[in-house]
PDB file of N, CA and C in Angstrom:
ATOM      1  N   MET A   1      -9.544   4.059  24.185  1.00  0.00           N
ATOM      2  CA  MET A   1     -10.130   2.734  24.035  1.00  0.00           C
ATOM      3  C   MET A   1     -11.146   2.702  22.889  1.00  0.00           C
ATOM      4  N   LYS A   2     -12.043   3.680  22.870  1.00  0.00           N
ATOM      5  CA  LYS A   2     -13.062   3.714  21.833  1.00  0.00           C
ATOM      6  C   LYS A   2     -12.430   4.002  20.468  1.00  0.00           C
ATOM      7  N   ASN A   3     -11.420   4.862  20.439  1.00  0.00           N
ATOM      8  CA  ASN A   3     -10.743   5.170  19.185  1.00  0.00           C
ATOM      9  C   ASN A   3      -9.980   3.959  18.658  1.00  0.00           C
ATOM     10  N   ASP A   4      -9.395   3.166  19.552  1.00  0.00           N
ATOM     11  CA  ASP A   4      -8.681   1.966  19.128  1.00  0.00           C
ATOM     12  C   ASP A   4      -9.636   0.957  18.500  1.00  0.00           C
ATOM     13  N   LEU A   5     -10.778   0.786  19.104  1.00  0.00           N
ATOM     14  CA  LEU A   5     -11.775  -0.134  18.569  1.00  0.00           C
ATOM     15  C   LEU A   5     -12.256   0.339  17.200  1.00  0.00           C
ATOM     16  N   PHE A   6     -12.495   1.624  17.068  1.00  0.00           N
ATOM     17  CA  PHE A   6     -12.916   2.197  15.790  1.00  0.00           C
ATOM     18  C   PHE A   6     -11.850   1.980  14.717  1.00  0.00           C
ATOM     19  N   ALA A   7     -10.595   2.162  15.057  1.00  0.00           N
ATOM     20  CA  ALA A   7      -9.504   1.971  14.105  1.00  0.00           C
ATOM     21  C   ALA A   7      -9.390   0.512  13.670  1.00  0.00           C
ATOM     22  N   VAL A   8      -9.545  -0.409  14.601  1.00  0.00           N
ATOM     23  CA  VAL A   8      -9.469  -1.834  14.269  1.00  0.00           C
ATOM     24  C   VAL A   8     -10.632  -2.234  13.355  1.00  0.00           C
ATOM     25  N   ILE A   9     -11.818  -1.765  13.653  1.00  0.00           N
ATOM     26  CA  ILE A   9     -12.986  -2.079  12.825  1.00  0.00           C
ATOM     27  C   ILE A   9     -12.815  -1.488  11.426  1.00  0.00           C
ATOM     28  N   LEU A  10     -12.350  -0.266  11.345  1.00  0.00           N
ATOM     29  CA  LEU A  10     -12.132   0.377  10.050  1.00  0.00           C
ATOM     30  C   LEU A  10     -11.068  -0.361   9.238  1.00  0.00           C
ATOM     31  N   MET A  11     -10.003  -0.768   9.885  1.00  0.00           N
ATOM     32  CA  MET A  11      -8.941  -1.504   9.197  1.00  0.00           C
ATOM     33  C   MET A  11      -9.474  -2.853   8.699  1.00  0.00           C
ATOM     34  N   PHE A  12     -10.248  -3.555   9.523  1.00  0.00           N
ATOM     35  CA  PHE A  12     -10.824  -4.833   9.120  1.00  0.00           C
ATOM     36  C   PHE A  12     -11.755  -4.662   7.924  1.00  0.00           C
ATOM     37  N   LEU A  13     -12.610  -3.645   7.957  1.00  0.00           N
ATOM     38  CA  LEU A  13     -13.542  -3.415   6.853  1.00  0.00           C
ATOM     39  C   LEU A  13     -12.809  -3.058   5.563  1.00  0.00           C
ATOM     40  N   THR A  14     -11.731  -2.299   5.674  1.00  0.00           N
ATOM     41  CA  THR A  14     -10.950  -1.938   4.495  1.00  0.00           C
ATOM     42  C   THR A  14     -10.298  -3.171   3.872  1.00  0.00           C
ATOM     43  N   ILE A  15      -9.665  -3.984   4.687  1.00  0.00           N
ATOM     44  CA  ILE A  15      -9.022  -5.203   4.184  1.00  0.00           C
ATOM     45  C   ILE A  15     -10.072  -6.147   3.596  1.00  0.00           C
ATOM     46  N   PHE A  16     -11.190  -6.322   4.284  1.00  0.00           N
ATOM     47  CA  PHE A  16     -12.252  -7.194   3.806  1.00  0.00           C
ATOM     48  C   PHE A  16     -12.818  -6.692   2.476  1.00  0.00           C
ATOM     49  N   GLY A  17     -12.996  -5.380   2.361  1.00  0.00           N
ATOM     50  CA  GLY A  17     -13.535  -4.801   1.126  1.00  0.00           C
ATOM     51  C   GLY A  17     -12.604  -4.991  -0.053  1.00  0.00           C
ATOM     52  N   TYR A  18     -11.315  -4.728   0.145  1.00  0.00           N
ATOM     53  CA  TYR A  18     -10.373  -4.887  -0.956  1.00  0.00           C
ATOM     54  C   TYR A  18     -10.191  -6.348  -1.340  1.00  0.00           C
ATOM     55  N   SER A  19     -10.220  -7.259  -0.371  1.00  0.00           N
ATOM     56  CA  SER A  19     -10.075  -8.674  -0.719  1.00  0.00           C
ATOM     57  C   SER A  19     -11.310  -9.152  -1.477  1.00  0.00           C
ATOM     58  N   GLY A  20     -12.479  -8.685  -1.118  1.00  0.00           N
ATOM     59  CA  GLY A  20     -13.695  -9.026  -1.850  1.00  0.00           C
ATOM     60  C   GLY A  20     -13.662  -8.497  -3.267  1.00  0.00           C
ATOM     61  N   TRP A  21     -13.174  -7.279  -3.445  1.00  0.00           N
ATOM     62  CA  TRP A  21     -13.051  -6.692  -4.775  1.00  0.00           C
ATOM     63  C   TRP A  21     -12.059  -7.491  -5.619  1.00  0.00           C
ATOM     64  N   TYR A  22     -10.942  -7.880  -5.028  1.00  0.00           N
ATOM     65  CA  TYR A  22      -9.933  -8.658  -5.760  1.00  0.00           C
ATOM     66  C   TYR A  22     -10.509 -10.005  -6.198  1.00  0.00           C
ATOM     67  N   LEU A  23     -11.207 -10.690  -5.314  1.00  0.00           N
ATOM     68  CA  LEU A  23     -11.787 -11.985  -5.663  1.00  0.00           C
ATOM     69  C   LEU A  23     -12.839 -11.842  -6.769  1.00  0.00           C
ATOM     70  N   ALA A  24     -13.626 -10.791  -6.728  1.00  0.00           N
ATOM     71  CA  ALA A  24     -14.633 -10.574  -7.772  1.00  0.00           C
ATOM     72  C   ALA A  24     -13.971 -10.297  -9.118  1.00  0.00           C
ATOM     73  N   GLU A  25     -12.923  -9.488  -9.128  1.00  0.00           N
ATOM     74  CA  GLU A  25     -12.207  -9.207 -10.379  1.00  0.00           C
ATOM     75  C   GLU A  25     -11.556 -10.465 -10.938  1.00  0.00           C
ATOM     76  N   ASN A  26     -10.984 -11.268 -10.062  1.00  0.00           N
ATOM     77  CA  ASN A  26     -10.356 -12.515 -10.493  1.00  0.00           C
ATOM     78  C   ASN A  26     -11.402 -13.451 -11.098  1.00  0.00           C
ATOM     79  N   ASP A  27     -12.561 -13.544 -10.475  1.00  0.00           N
ATOM     80  CA  ASP A  27     -13.635 -14.384 -10.980  1.00  0.00           C
ATOM     81  C   ASP A  27     -14.134 -13.875 -12.326  1.00  0.00           C
ATOM     82  N   ASN A  28     -14.233 -12.552 -12.480  1.00  0.00           N
ATOM     83  CA  ASN A  28     -14.655 -11.978 -13.760  1.00  0.00           C
ATOM     84  C   ASN A  28     -13.691 -12.352 -14.873  1.00  0.00           C
ATOM     85  N   GLU A  29     -12.403 -12.342 -14.588  1.00  0.00           N
ATOM     86  CA  GLU A  29     -11.407 -12.689 -15.600  1.00  0.00           C
ATOM     87  C   GLU A  29     -11.551 -14.159 -16.009  1.00  0.00           C
ATOM     88  N   ILE A  30     -11.785 -15.042 -15.056  1.00  0.00           N
ATOM     89  CA  ILE A  30     -11.989 -16.462 -15.358  1.00  0.00           C
ATOM     90  C   ILE A  30     -13.242 -16.632 -16.217  1.00  0.00           C
ATOM     91  N   LEU A  31     -14.318 -15.945 -15.857  1.00  0.00           N
ATOM     92  CA  LEU A  31     -15.559 -16.048 -16.624  1.00  0.00           C
ATOM     93  C   LEU A  31     -15.403 -15.477 -18.024  1.00  0.00           C
ATOM     94  N   ARG A  32     -14.629 -14.394 -18.172  1.00  0.00           N
ATOM     95  CA  ARG A  32     -14.365 -13.824 -19.503  1.00  0.00           C
ATOM     96  C   ARG A  32     -13.655 -14.823 -20.406  1.00  0.00           C
ATOM     97  N   LYS A  33     -12.639 -15.493 -19.857  1.00  0.00           N
ATOM     98  CA  LYS A  33     -11.901 -16.486 -20.637  1.00  0.00           C
ATOM     99  C   LYS A  33     -12.799 -17.652 -21.012  1.00  0.00           C
ATOM    100  N   GLU A  34     -13.634 -18.103 -20.075  1.00  0.00           N
ATOM    101  CA  GLU A  34     -14.537 -19.212 -20.352  1.00  0.00           C
ATOM    102  C   GLU A  34     -15.556 -18.830 -21.414  1.00  0.00           C
ATOM    103  N   LEU A  35     -16.096 -17.628 -21.331  1.00  0.00           N
ATOM    104  CA  LEU A  35     -17.075 -17.166 -22.308  1.00  0.00           C
ATOM    105  C   LEU A  35     -16.437 -17.031 -23.690  1.00  0.00           C
ATOM    106  N   SER A  36     -15.176 -16.626 -23.729  1.00  0.00           N
ATOM    107  CA  SER A  36     -14.477 -16.495 -25.005  1.00  0.00           C
ATOM    108  C   SER A  36     -14.325 -17.839 -25.703  1.00  0.00           C
ATOM    109  N   THR A  37     -14.155 -18.899 -24.943  1.00  0.00           N
ATOM    110  CA  THR A  37     -14.027 -20.225 -25.565  1.00  0.00           C
ATOM    111  C   THR A  37     -15.355 -20.659 -26.177  1.00  0.00           C
ATOM    112  N   TYR A  38     -16.473 -20.243 -25.591  1.00  0.00           N
ATOM    113  CA  TYR A  38     -17.779 -20.630 -26.139  1.00  0.00           C
ATOM    114  C   TYR A  38     -18.190 -19.766 -27.319  1.00  0.00           C
ATOM    115  N   THR A  39     -17.863 -18.489 -27.301  1.00  0.00           N
ATOM    116  CA  THR A  39     -18.314 -17.587 -28.362  1.00  0.00           C
ATOM    117  C   THR A  39     -17.345 -17.542 -29.533  1.00  0.00           C
ATOM    118  N   GLY A  40     -16.092 -17.910 -29.307  1.00  0.00           N
ATOM    119  CA  GLY A  40     -15.108 -17.881 -30.382  1.00  0.00           C
ATOM    120  C   GLY A  40     -14.492 -16.520 -30.603  1.00  0.00           C
ATOM    121  N   LYS A  41     -14.897 -15.520 -29.820  1.00  0.00           N
ATOM    122  CA  LYS A  41     -14.262 -14.206 -29.920  1.00  0.00           C
ATOM    123  C   LYS A  41     -13.949 -13.689 -28.528  1.00  0.00           C
ATOM    124  N   GLU A  42     -13.017 -12.754 -28.479  1.00  0.00           N
ATOM    125  CA  GLU A  42     -12.549 -12.245 -27.187  1.00  0.00           C
ATOM    126  C   GLU A  42     -13.604 -11.370 -26.538  1.00  0.00           C
ATOM    127  N   VAL A  43     -13.826 -11.603 -25.263  1.00  0.00           N
ATOM    128  CA  VAL A  43     -14.733 -10.778 -24.467  1.00  0.00           C
ATOM    129  C   VAL A  43     -13.885  -9.806 -23.670  1.00  0.00           C
ATOM    130  N   ARG A  44     -14.099  -8.515 -23.903  1.00  0.00           N
ATOM    131  CA  ARG A  44     -13.260  -7.506 -23.221  1.00  0.00           C
ATOM    132  C   ARG A  44     -14.036  -6.820 -22.129  1.00  0.00           C
ATOM    133  N   LYS A  45     -13.287  -6.095 -21.283  1.00  0.00           N
ATOM    134  CA  LYS A  45     -13.887  -5.340 -20.174  1.00  0.00           C
ATOM    135  C   LYS A  45     -14.752  -4.223 -20.713  1.00  0.00           C
TER     136      LYS A  45
END
């Protein structure tokens, strides 16, 4: 019982962490493109 709860919590935290990382990377790409339109040159990673 305790091991099952631990596994579910760990799985939830892993999925939540990766989805947060994906959303942050996606937002960074949008901001890079927007900044490039204002500066006139490409903003790279």
